[in-house]
PDB file of N, CA and C in Angstrom:
ATOM      1  N   MET A   1      76.060  81.852  99.428  1.00  0.00           N
ATOM      2  CA  MET A   1      76.097  82.186  98.011  1.00  0.00           C
ATOM      3  C   MET A   1      75.501  83.570  97.777  1.00  0.00           C
ATOM      4  N   ILE A   2      75.515  84.019  96.590  1.00  0.00           N
ATOM      5  CA  ILE A   2      74.998  85.314  96.178  1.00  0.00           C
ATOM      6  C   ILE A   2      73.624  85.121  95.532  1.00  0.00           C
ATOM      7  N   THR A   3      72.696  86.047  95.800  1.00  0.00           N
ATOM      8  CA  THR A   3      71.407  86.000  95.126  1.00  0.00           C
ATOM      9  C   THR A   3      71.183  87.309  94.378  1.00  0.00           C
ATOM     10  N   LEU A   4      70.368  87.219  93.346  1.00  0.00           N
ATOM     11  CA  LEU A   4      69.995  88.380  92.541  1.00  0.00           C
ATOM     12  C   LEU A   4      68.492  88.572  92.645  1.00  0.00           C
ATOM     13  N   THR A   5      68.059  89.823  92.772  1.00  0.00           N
ATOM     14  CA  THR A   5      66.621  90.076  92.771  1.00  0.00           C
ATOM     15  C   THR A   5      66.124  90.043  91.330  1.00  0.00           C
ATOM     16  N   GLU A   6      64.810  89.955  91.182  1.00  0.00           N
ATOM     17  CA  GLU A   6      64.212  89.977  89.849  1.00  0.00           C
ATOM     18  C   GLU A   6      64.550  91.282  89.126  1.00  0.00           C
ATOM     19  N   SER A   7      64.548  92.382  89.861  1.00  0.00           N
ATOM     20  CA  SER A   7      64.888  93.683  89.285  1.00  0.00           C
ATOM     21  C   SER A   7      66.327  93.694  88.762  1.00  0.00           C
ATOM     22  N   ALA A   8      67.249  93.088  89.509  1.00  0.00           N
ATOM     23  CA  ALA A   8      68.653  93.032  89.086  1.00  0.00           C
ATOM     24  C   ALA A   8      68.815  92.197  87.822  1.00  0.00           C
ATOM     25  N   THR A   9      68.174  91.030  87.765  1.00  0.00           N
ATOM     26  CA  THR A   9      68.331  90.186  86.579  1.00  0.00           C
ATOM     27  C   THR A   9      67.740  90.867  85.346  1.00  0.00           C
ATOM     28  N   LYS A  10      66.605  91.545  85.511  1.00  0.00           N
ATOM     29  CA  LYS A  10      66.010  92.259  84.372  1.00  0.00           C
ATOM     30  C   LYS A  10      66.944  93.353  83.866  1.00  0.00           C
ATOM     31  N   HIS A  11      67.545  94.094  84.798  1.00  0.00           N
ATOM     32  CA  HIS A  11      68.419  95.194  84.374  1.00  0.00           C
ATOM     33  C   HIS A  11      69.709  94.663  83.737  1.00  0.00           C
ATOM     34  N   ILE A  12      70.241  93.584  84.240  1.00  0.00           N
ATOM     35  CA  ILE A  12      71.442  92.980  83.637  1.00  0.00           C
ATOM     36  C   ILE A  12      71.131  92.541  82.206  1.00  0.00           C
ATOM     37  N   LYS A  13      69.975  91.931  81.993  1.00  0.00           N
ATOM     38  CA  LYS A  13      69.581  91.522  80.637  1.00  0.00           C
ATOM     39  C   LYS A  13      69.464  92.741  79.719  1.00  0.00           C
ATOM     40  N   THR A  14      68.915  93.829  80.230  1.00  0.00           N
ATOM     41  CA  THR A  14      68.809  95.069  79.446  1.00  0.00           C
ATOM     42  C   THR A  14      70.196  95.596  79.091  1.00  0.00           C
ATOM     43  N   LEU A  15      71.103  95.606  80.061  1.00  0.00           N
ATOM     44  CA  LEU A  15      72.472  96.076  79.802  1.00  0.00           C
ATOM     45  C   LEU A  15      73.175  95.201  78.769  1.00  0.00           C
ATOM     46  N   LEU A  16      72.999  93.898  78.875  1.00  0.00           N
ATOM     47  CA  LEU A  16      73.606  92.980  77.902  1.00  0.00           C
ATOM     48  C   LEU A  16      73.137  93.300  76.492  1.00  0.00           C
ATOM     49  N   ALA A  17      71.845  93.524  76.342  1.00  0.00           N
ATOM     50  CA  ALA A  17      71.286  93.837  75.022  1.00  0.00           C
ATOM     51  C   ALA A  17      71.757  95.202  74.535  1.00  0.00           C
ATOM     52  N   ASP A  18      71.716  96.200  75.413  1.00  0.00           N
ATOM     53  CA  ASP A  18      72.103  97.564  75.034  1.00  0.00           C
ATOM     54  C   ASP A  18      73.577  97.675  74.659  1.00  0.00           C
ATOM     55  N   GLN A  19      74.427  96.942  75.360  1.00  0.00           N
ATOM     56  CA  GLN A  19      75.870  97.038  75.129  1.00  0.00           C
ATOM     57  C   GLN A  19      76.378  96.006  74.127  1.00  0.00           C
ATOM     58  N   GLY A  20      75.504  95.128  73.679  1.00  0.00           N
ATOM     59  CA  GLY A  20      75.900  94.125  72.691  1.00  0.00           C
ATOM     60  C   GLY A  20      76.966  93.166  73.184  1.00  0.00           C
ATOM     61  N   VAL A  21      76.904  92.799  74.449  1.00  0.00           N
ATOM     62  CA  VAL A  21      77.904  91.891  75.021  1.00  0.00           C
ATOM     63  C   VAL A  21      77.288  90.531  75.349  1.00  0.00           C
ATOM     64  N   SER A  22      76.390  90.099  74.525  1.00  0.00           N
ATOM     65  CA  SER A  22      75.717  88.828  74.734  1.00  0.00           C
ATOM     66  C   SER A  22      76.727  87.708  74.949  1.00  0.00           C
ATOM     67  N   GLY A  23      76.452  86.877  75.937  1.00  0.00           N
ATOM     68  CA  GLY A  23      77.309  85.728  76.196  1.00  0.00           C
ATOM     69  C   GLY A  23      78.363  85.970  77.256  1.00  0.00           C
ATOM     70  N   LYS A  24      78.586  87.219  77.651  1.00  0.00           N
ATOM     71  CA  LYS A  24      79.568  87.498  78.709  1.00  0.00           C
ATOM     72  C   LYS A  24      78.844  87.601  80.037  1.00  0.00           C
ATOM     73  N   PRO A  25      79.412  86.983  81.073  1.00  0.00           N
ATOM     74  CA  PRO A  25      78.801  87.119  82.394  1.00  0.00           C
ATOM     75  C   PRO A  25      79.138  88.478  83.016  1.00  0.00           C
ATOM     76  N   LEU A  26      78.377  88.849  84.024  1.00  0.00           N
ATOM     77  CA  LEU A  26      78.658  90.058  84.787  1.00  0.00           C
ATOM     78  C   LEU A  26      79.619  89.688  85.904  1.00  0.00           C
ATOM     79  N   ARG A  27      80.762  90.340  85.935  1.00  0.00           N
ATOM     80  CA  ARG A  27      81.725  90.118  87.009  1.00  0.00           C
ATOM     81  C   ARG A  27      81.419  91.110  88.124  1.00  0.00           C
ATOM     82  N   VAL A  28      81.255  90.606  89.339  1.00  0.00           N
ATOM     83  CA  VAL A  28      81.092  91.434  90.526  1.00  0.00           C
ATOM     84  C   VAL A  28      82.343  91.211  91.361  1.00  0.00           C
ATOM     85  N   TYR A  29      82.971  92.313  91.770  1.00  0.00           N
ATOM     86  CA  TYR A  29      84.229  92.172  92.498  1.00  0.00           C
ATOM     87  C   TYR A  29      84.341  93.217  93.597  1.00  0.00           C
ATOM     88  N   VAL A  30      85.277  92.974  94.496  1.00  0.00           N
ATOM     89  CA  VAL A  30      85.604  93.886  95.583  1.00  0.00           C
ATOM     90  C   VAL A  30      87.058  94.277  95.385  1.00  0.00           C
ATOM     91  N   ASP A  31      87.328  95.582  95.536  1.00  0.00           N
ATOM     92  CA  ASP A  31      88.673  96.099  95.328  1.00  0.00           C
ATOM     93  C   ASP A  31      88.986  97.111  96.415  1.00  0.00           C
ATOM     94  N   ALA A  32      90.261  97.299  96.697  1.00  0.00           N
ATOM     95  CA  ALA A  32      90.664  98.317  97.663  1.00  0.00           C
ATOM     96  C   ALA A  32      90.338  99.691  97.091  1.00  0.00           C
ATOM     97  N   GLY A  33      89.785 100.564  97.933  1.00  0.00           N
ATOM     98  CA  GLY A  33      89.487 101.919  97.494  1.00  0.00           C
ATOM     99  C   GLY A  33      88.282 102.482  98.204  1.00  0.00           C
ATOM    100  N   GLY A  34      87.926 103.684  97.826  1.00  0.00           N
ATOM    101  CA  GLY A  34      86.794 104.346  98.455  1.00  0.00           C
ATOM    102  C   GLY A  34      87.166 104.898  99.815  1.00  0.00           C
ATOM    103  N   CYS A  35      86.288 105.636 100.403  1.00  0.00           N
ATOM    104  CA  CYS A  35      86.582 106.291 101.675  1.00  0.00           C
ATOM    105  C   CYS A  35      86.523 105.345 102.874  1.00  0.00           C
ATOM    106  N   SER A  36      85.962 104.152 102.706  1.00  0.00           N
ATOM    107  CA  SER A  36      85.894 103.199 103.817  1.00  0.00           C
ATOM    108  C   SER A  36      86.848 102.018 103.659  1.00  0.00           C
ATOM    109  N   GLY A  37      87.630 101.995 102.606  1.00  0.00           N
ATOM    110  CA  GLY A  37      88.644 100.954 102.459  1.00  0.00           C
ATOM    111  C   GLY A  37      88.423  99.951 101.346  1.00  0.00           C
ATOM    112  N   MET A  38      87.178  99.564 101.094  1.00  0.00           N
ATOM    113  CA  MET A  38      86.874  98.600 100.039  1.00  0.00           C
ATOM    114  C   MET A  38      85.694  99.129  99.235  1.00  0.00           C
ATOM    115  N   GLU A  39      85.646  98.780  97.937  1.00  0.00           N
ATOM    116  CA  GLU A  39      84.508  99.187  97.126  1.00  0.00           C
ATOM    117  C   GLU A  39      84.129  98.084  96.153  1.00  0.00           C
ATOM    118  N   TYR A  40      82.877  98.118  95.730  1.00  0.00           N
ATOM    119  CA  TYR A  40      82.347  97.144  94.789  1.00  0.00           C
ATOM    120  C   TYR A  40      82.615  97.611  93.362  1.00  0.00           C
ATOM    121  N   GLY A  41      82.728  96.643  92.464  1.00  0.00           N
ATOM    122  CA  GLY A  41      82.830  96.942  91.045  1.00  0.00           C
ATOM    123  C   GLY A  41      82.065  95.900  90.251  1.00  0.00           C
ATOM    124  N   MET A  42      81.656  96.295  89.053  1.00  0.00           N
ATOM    125  CA  MET A  42      80.939  95.384  88.156  1.00  0.00           C
ATOM    126  C   MET A  42      81.356  95.675  86.734  1.00  0.00           C
ATOM    127  N   ALA A  43      81.511  94.612  85.939  1.00  0.00           N
ATOM    128  CA  ALA A  43      81.853  94.764  84.525  1.00  0.00           C
ATOM    129  C   ALA A  43      81.527  93.460  83.816  1.00  0.00           C
ATOM    130  N   PHE A  44      81.166  93.559  82.549  1.00  0.00           N
ATOM    131  CA  PHE A  44      80.998  92.347  81.757  1.00  0.00           C
ATOM    132  C   PHE A  44      82.393  91.848  81.404  1.00  0.00           C
ATOM    133  N   ASP A  45      82.635  90.558  81.629  1.00  0.00           N
ATOM    134  CA  ASP A  45      83.984  90.017  81.528  1.00  0.00           C
ATOM    135  C   ASP A  45      83.919  88.537  81.162  1.00  0.00           C
ATOM    136  N   GLU A  46      85.052  87.992  80.800  1.00  0.00           N
ATOM    137  CA  GLU A  46      85.161  86.563  80.526  1.00  0.00           C
ATOM    138  C   GLU A  46      85.233  85.785  81.842  1.00  0.00           C
ATOM    139  N   LYS A  47      84.726  84.578  81.814  1.00  0.00           N
ATOM    140  CA  LYS A  47      84.788  83.690  82.967  1.00  0.00           C
ATOM    141  C   LYS A  47      86.201  83.130  83.090  1.00  0.00           C
ATOM    142  N   LYS A  48      86.721  83.081  84.322  1.00  0.00           N
ATOM    143  CA  LYS A  48      88.042  82.509  84.598  1.00  0.00           C
ATOM    144  C   LYS A  48      87.878  81.194  85.339  1.00  0.00           C
ATOM    145  N   ALA A  49      88.904  80.363  85.277  1.00  0.00           N
ATOM    146  CA  ALA A  49      88.819  79.002  85.807  1.00  0.00           C
ATOM    147  C   ALA A  49      88.462  78.943  87.293  1.00  0.00           C
ATOM    148  N   ASP A  50      88.952  79.888  88.104  1.00  0.00           N
ATOM    149  CA  ASP A  50      88.709  79.813  89.548  1.00  0.00           C
ATOM    150  C   ASP A  50      87.514  80.642  90.014  1.00  0.00           C
ATOM    151  N   ASP A  51      86.746  81.197  89.090  1.00  0.00           N
ATOM    152  CA  ASP A  51      85.574  81.994  89.441  1.00  0.00           C
ATOM    153  C   ASP A  51      84.451  81.134  90.005  1.00  0.00           C
ATOM    154  N   GLU A  52      83.716  81.705  90.948  1.00  0.00           N
ATOM    155  CA  GLU A  52      82.456  81.120  91.391  1.00  0.00           C
ATOM    156  C   GLU A  52      81.398  81.665  90.430  1.00  0.00           C
ATOM    157  N   VAL A  53      80.467  80.824  90.030  1.00  0.00           N
ATOM    158  CA  VAL A  53      79.438  81.223  89.077  1.00  0.00           C
ATOM    159  C   VAL A  53      78.070  81.152  89.748  1.00  0.00           C
ATOM    160  N   VAL A  54      77.324  82.250  89.597  1.00  0.00           N
ATOM    161  CA  VAL A  54      75.948  82.299  90.071  1.00  0.00           C
ATOM    162  C   VAL A  54      75.077  82.469  88.835  1.00  0.00           C
ATOM    163  N   ALA A  55      74.193  81.525  88.600  1.00  0.00           N
ATOM    164  CA  ALA A  55      73.278  81.598  87.460  1.00  0.00           C
ATOM    165  C   ALA A  55      71.858  81.675  87.994  1.00  0.00           C
ATOM    166  N   GLN A  56      71.151  82.705  87.562  1.00  0.00           N
ATOM    167  CA  GLN A  56      69.794  82.902  88.048  1.00  0.00           C
ATOM    168  C   GLN A  56      68.972  83.583  86.966  1.00  0.00           C
ATOM    169  N   ASP A  57      67.828  83.032  86.633  1.00  0.00           N
ATOM    170  CA  ASP A  57      66.894  83.612  85.667  1.00  0.00           C
ATOM    171  C   ASP A  57      67.562  83.987  84.346  1.00  0.00           C
ATOM    172  N   GLY A  58      68.453  83.142  83.865  1.00  0.00           N
ATOM    173  CA  GLY A  58      69.106  83.392  82.576  1.00  0.00           C
ATOM    174  C   GLY A  58      70.254  84.375  82.632  1.00  0.00           C
ATOM    175  N   VAL A  59      70.669  84.775  83.824  1.00  0.00           N
ATOM    176  CA  VAL A  59      71.785  85.706  83.996  1.00  0.00           C
ATOM    177  C   VAL A  59      72.911  84.972  84.712  1.00  0.00           C
ATOM    178  N   GLU A  60      74.129  85.204  84.258  1.00  0.00           N
ATOM    179  CA  GLU A  60      75.290  84.587  84.879  1.00  0.00           C
ATOM    180  C   GLU A  60      76.177  85.667  85.483  1.00  0.00           C
ATOM    181  N   VAL A  61      76.523  85.484  86.759  1.00  0.00           N
ATOM    182  CA  VAL A  61      77.413  86.386  87.478  1.00  0.00           C
ATOM    183  C   VAL A  61      78.625  85.574  87.909  1.00  0.00           C
ATOM    184  N   VAL A  62      79.819  86.153  87.716  1.00  0.00           N
ATOM    185  CA  VAL A  62      81.042  85.479  88.136  1.00  0.00           C
ATOM    186  C   VAL A  62      81.739  86.324  89.196  1.00  0.00           C
ATOM    187  N   ILE A  63      82.365  85.623  90.156  1.00  0.00           N
ATOM    188  CA  ILE A  63      83.027  86.297  91.281  1.00  0.00           C
ATOM    189  C   ILE A  63      84.331  85.563  91.565  1.00  0.00           C
ATOM    190  N   ASP A  64      85.422  86.320  91.641  1.00  0.00           N
ATOM    191  CA  ASP A  64      86.718  85.706  91.949  1.00  0.00           C
ATOM    192  C   ASP A  64      86.746  85.286  93.420  1.00  0.00           C
ATOM    193  N   PRO A  65      87.628  84.356  93.786  1.00  0.00           N
ATOM    194  CA  PRO A  65      87.640  83.829  95.155  1.00  0.00           C
ATOM    195  C   PRO A  65      87.855  84.886  96.241  1.00  0.00           C
ATOM    196  N   MET A  66      88.740  85.861  96.019  1.00  0.00           N
ATOM    197  CA  MET A  66      88.979  86.896  97.026  1.00  0.00           C
ATOM    198  C   MET A  66      87.724  87.727  97.250  1.00  0.00           C
ATOM    199  N   SER A  67      87.072  88.118  96.171  1.00  0.00           N
ATOM    200  CA  SER A  67      85.846  88.913  96.289  1.00  0.00           C
ATOM    201  C   SER A  67      84.729  88.111  96.945  1.00  0.00           C
ATOM    202  N   MET A  68      84.666  86.819  96.657  1.00  0.00           N
ATOM    203  CA  MET A  68      83.622  85.972  97.242  1.00  0.00           C
ATOM    204  C   MET A  68      83.741  85.949  98.764  1.00  0.00           C
ATOM    205  N   SER A  69      84.964  86.029  99.284  1.00  0.00           N
ATOM    206  CA  SER A  69      85.117  86.028 100.741  1.00  0.00           C
ATOM    207  C   SER A  69      84.451  87.252 101.366  1.00  0.00           C
ATOM    208  N   PHE A  70      84.365  88.359 100.643  1.00  0.00           N
ATOM    209  CA  PHE A  70      83.689  89.560 101.126  1.00  0.00           C
ATOM    210  C   PHE A  70      82.192  89.549 100.813  1.00  0.00           C
ATOM    211  N   LEU A  71      81.793  88.879  99.739  1.00  0.00           N
ATOM    212  CA  LEU A  71      80.419  88.966  99.230  1.00  0.00           C
ATOM    213  C   LEU A  71      79.499  87.819  99.650  1.00  0.00           C
ATOM    214  N   LYS A  72      80.045  86.793 100.270  1.00  0.00           N
ATOM    215  CA  LYS A  72      79.246  85.607 100.617  1.00  0.00           C
ATOM    216  C   LYS A  72      77.985  86.008 101.385  1.00  0.00           C
ATOM    217  N   GLY A  73      76.835  85.542 100.910  1.00  0.00           N
ATOM    218  CA  GLY A  73      75.562  85.814 101.552  1.00  0.00           C
ATOM    219  C   GLY A  73      74.891  87.101 101.094  1.00  0.00           C
ATOM    220  N   SER A  74      75.493  87.792 100.129  1.00  0.00           N
ATOM    221  CA  SER A  74      74.955  89.079  99.674  1.00  0.00           C
ATOM    222  C   SER A  74      73.798  88.918  98.694  1.00  0.00           C
ATOM    223  N   GLU A  75      72.997  89.982  98.610  1.00  0.00           N
ATOM    224  CA  GLU A  75      71.923  90.064  97.623  1.00  0.00           C
ATOM    225  C   GLU A  75      72.203  91.278  96.739  1.00  0.00           C
ATOM    226  N   ILE A  76      72.143  91.065  95.435  1.00  0.00           N
ATOM    227  CA  ILE A  76      72.334  92.154  94.481  1.00  0.00           C
ATOM    228  C   ILE A  76      70.968  92.569  93.961  1.00  0.00           C
ATOM    229  N   ASP A  77      70.671  93.853  94.107  1.00  0.00           N
ATOM    230  CA  ASP A  77      69.381  94.405  93.698  1.00  0.00           C
ATOM    231  C   ASP A  77      69.642  95.561  92.737  1.00  0.00           C
ATOM    232  N   TYR A  78      68.621  95.928  91.982  1.00  0.00           N
ATOM    233  CA  TYR A  78      68.668  97.136  91.164  1.00  0.00           C
ATOM    234  C   TYR A  78      67.499  97.998  91.576  1.00  0.00           C
ATOM    235  N   VAL A  79      67.799  99.243  91.958  1.00  0.00           N
ATOM    236  CA  VAL A  79      66.743 100.156  92.390  1.00  0.00           C
ATOM    237  C   VAL A  79      66.696 101.357  91.458  1.00  0.00           C
ATOM    238  N   ASP A  80      65.487 101.862  91.271  1.00  0.00           N
ATOM    239  CA  ASP A  80      65.270 103.051  90.458  1.00  0.00           C
ATOM    240  C   ASP A  80      64.322 103.933  91.243  1.00  0.00           C
ATOM    241  N   GLY A  81      64.880 104.954  91.902  1.00  0.00           N
ATOM    242  CA  GLY A  81      64.055 105.775  92.779  1.00  0.00           C
ATOM    243  C   GLY A  81      64.421 107.242  92.726  1.00  0.00           C
ATOM    244  N   LEU A  82      63.839 108.001  93.615  1.00  0.00           N
ATOM    245  CA  LEU A  82      64.061 109.442  93.661  1.00  0.00           C
ATOM    246  C   LEU A  82      65.517 109.807  93.976  1.00  0.00           C
ATOM    247  N   GLN A  83      66.208 108.958  94.702  1.00  0.00           N
ATOM    248  CA  GLN A  83      67.594 109.229  95.064  1.00  0.00           C
ATOM    249  C   GLN A  83      68.575 108.651  94.050  1.00  0.00           C
ATOM    250  N   GLY A  84      68.077 108.258  92.901  1.00  0.00           N
ATOM    251  CA  GLY A  84      68.939 107.721  91.855  1.00  0.00           C
ATOM    252  C   GLY A  84      68.659 106.263  91.584  1.00  0.00           C
ATOM    253  N   SER A  85      69.310 105.775  90.562  1.00  0.00           N
ATOM    254  CA  SER A  85      69.144 104.370  90.205  1.00  0.00           C
ATOM    255  C   SER A  85      70.504 103.704  90.155  1.00  0.00           C
ATOM    256  N   GLY A  86      70.502 102.405  90.345  1.00  0.00           N
ATOM    257  CA  GLY A  86      71.737 101.650  90.273  1.00  0.00           C
ATOM    258  C   GLY A  86      71.634 100.346  91.033  1.00  0.00           C
ATOM    259  N   PHE A  87      72.696  99.579  90.931  1.00  0.00           N
ATOM    260  CA  PHE A  87      72.767  98.317  91.653  1.00  0.00           C
ATOM    261  C   PHE A  87      73.090  98.599  93.111  1.00  0.00           C
ATOM    262  N   LYS A  88      72.441  97.876  93.986  1.00  0.00           N
ATOM    263  CA  LYS A  88      72.677  97.963  95.425  1.00  0.00           C
ATOM    264  C   LYS A  88      73.012  96.570  95.919  1.00  0.00           C
ATOM    265  N   ILE A  89      74.063  96.481  96.693  1.00  0.00           N
ATOM    266  CA  ILE A  89      74.464  95.195  97.255  1.00  0.00           C
ATOM    267  C   ILE A  89      74.169  95.202  98.746  1.00  0.00           C
ATOM    268  N   LYS A  90      73.298  94.289  99.151  1.00  0.00           N
ATOM    269  CA  LYS A  90      72.989  94.116 100.573  1.00  0.00           C
ATOM    270  C   LYS A  90      73.921  93.029 101.086  1.00  0.00           C
ATOM    271  N   ASN A  91      74.945  93.453 101.820  1.00  0.00           N
ATOM    272  CA  ASN A  91      76.018  92.564 102.213  1.00  0.00           C
ATOM    273  C   ASN A  91      76.009  92.375 103.735  1.00  0.00           C
ATOM    274  N   PRO A  92      75.749  91.156 104.209  1.00  0.00           N
ATOM    275  CA  PRO A  92      75.709  90.916 105.658  1.00  0.00           C
ATOM    276  C   PRO A  92      77.094  90.957 106.308  1.00  0.00           C
ATOM    277  N   ASN A  93      78.157  91.019 105.519  1.00  0.00           N
ATOM    278  CA  ASN A  93      79.516  91.010 106.054  1.00  0.00           C
ATOM    279  C   ASN A  93      80.074  92.406 106.318  1.00  0.00           C
ATOM    280  N   VAL A  94      79.340  93.444 105.935  1.00  0.00           N
ATOM    281  CA  VAL A  94      79.826  94.813 106.077  1.00  0.00           C
ATOM    282  C   VAL A  94      79.686  95.274 107.526  1.00  0.00           C
ATOM    283  N   HIS A  95      80.772  95.804 108.064  1.00  0.00           N
ATOM    284  CA  HIS A  95      80.763  96.333 109.427  1.00  0.00           C
ATOM    285  C   HIS A  95      80.359  97.805 109.432  1.00  0.00           C
ATOM    286  N   SER A  96      80.806  98.556 108.431  1.00  0.00           N
ATOM    287  CA  SER A  96      80.431  99.955 108.297  1.00  0.00           C
ATOM    288  C   SER A  96      80.600 100.350 106.832  1.00  0.00           C
ATOM    289  N   SER A  97      79.882 101.409 106.441  1.00  0.00           N
ATOM    290  CA  SER A  97      79.999 101.892 105.067  1.00  0.00           C
ATOM    291  C   SER A  97      80.033 103.413 105.084  1.00  0.00           C
ATOM    292  N   CYS A  98      80.466 103.982 103.979  1.00  0.00           N
ATOM    293  CA  CYS A  98      80.543 105.436 103.890  1.00  0.00           C
ATOM    294  C   CYS A  98      79.162 106.012 103.600  1.00  0.00           C
ATOM    295  N   GLY A  99      79.047 107.316 103.661  1.00  0.00           N
ATOM    296  CA  GLY A  99      77.779 107.980 103.441  1.00  0.00           C
ATOM    297  C   GLY A  99      77.207 107.768 102.060  1.00  0.00           C
ATOM    298  N   CYS A 100      78.072 107.642 101.044  1.00  0.00           N
ATOM    299  CA  CYS A 100      77.587 107.477  99.682  1.00  0.00           C
ATOM    300  C   CYS A 100      77.143 106.041  99.397  1.00  0.00           C
ATOM    301  N   GLY A 101      77.551 105.093 100.251  1.00  0.00           N
ATOM    302  CA  GLY A 101      77.155 103.704 100.076  1.00  0.00           C
ATOM    303  C   GLY A 101      77.968 102.938  99.051  1.00  0.00           C
ATOM    304  N   ARG A 102      79.013 103.561  98.504  1.00  0.00           N
ATOM    305  CA  ARG A 102      79.822 102.893  97.481  1.00  0.00           C
ATOM    306  C   ARG A 102      81.002 102.124  98.050  1.00  0.00           C
ATOM    307  N   SER A 103      81.425 102.457  99.252  1.00  0.00           N
ATOM    308  CA  SER A 103      82.545 101.738  99.822  1.00  0.00           C
ATOM    309  C   SER A 103      82.178 101.234 101.228  1.00  0.00           C
ATOM    310  N   PHE A 104      82.951 100.267 101.697  1.00  0.00           N
ATOM    311  CA  PHE A 104      82.623  99.628 102.972  1.00  0.00           C
ATOM    312  C   PHE A 104      83.867  99.154 103.669  1.00  0.00           C
ATOM    313  N   ASN A 105      83.677  98.691 104.890  1.00  0.00           N
ATOM    314  CA  ASN A 105      84.762  98.219 105.735  1.00  0.00           C
ATOM    315  C   ASN A 105      84.358  96.842 106.241  1.00  0.00           C
TER     316      ASN A 105
END
């Protein structure tokens, strides 16, 4: 399954409040693209019937079945540091990734 760090859940709650999208889960998905072949995406979206749902600390994340096959066992974190801020996905299924860390193989 997918886990969220405390930092990630706090930031998702902040985004929900800032964007006024209360009640919508965060969709995490994998799509073709990027310099290594696949890339991650995130958006607030409606839940679909075949989605896997991860609920943690009052935050709901939905993942479609195809994306779940790539993301199984991953941890979603939010970092704010000298090299920038953003969500980071620690994915045990990745064989290689590009230098920017946005796409993987």
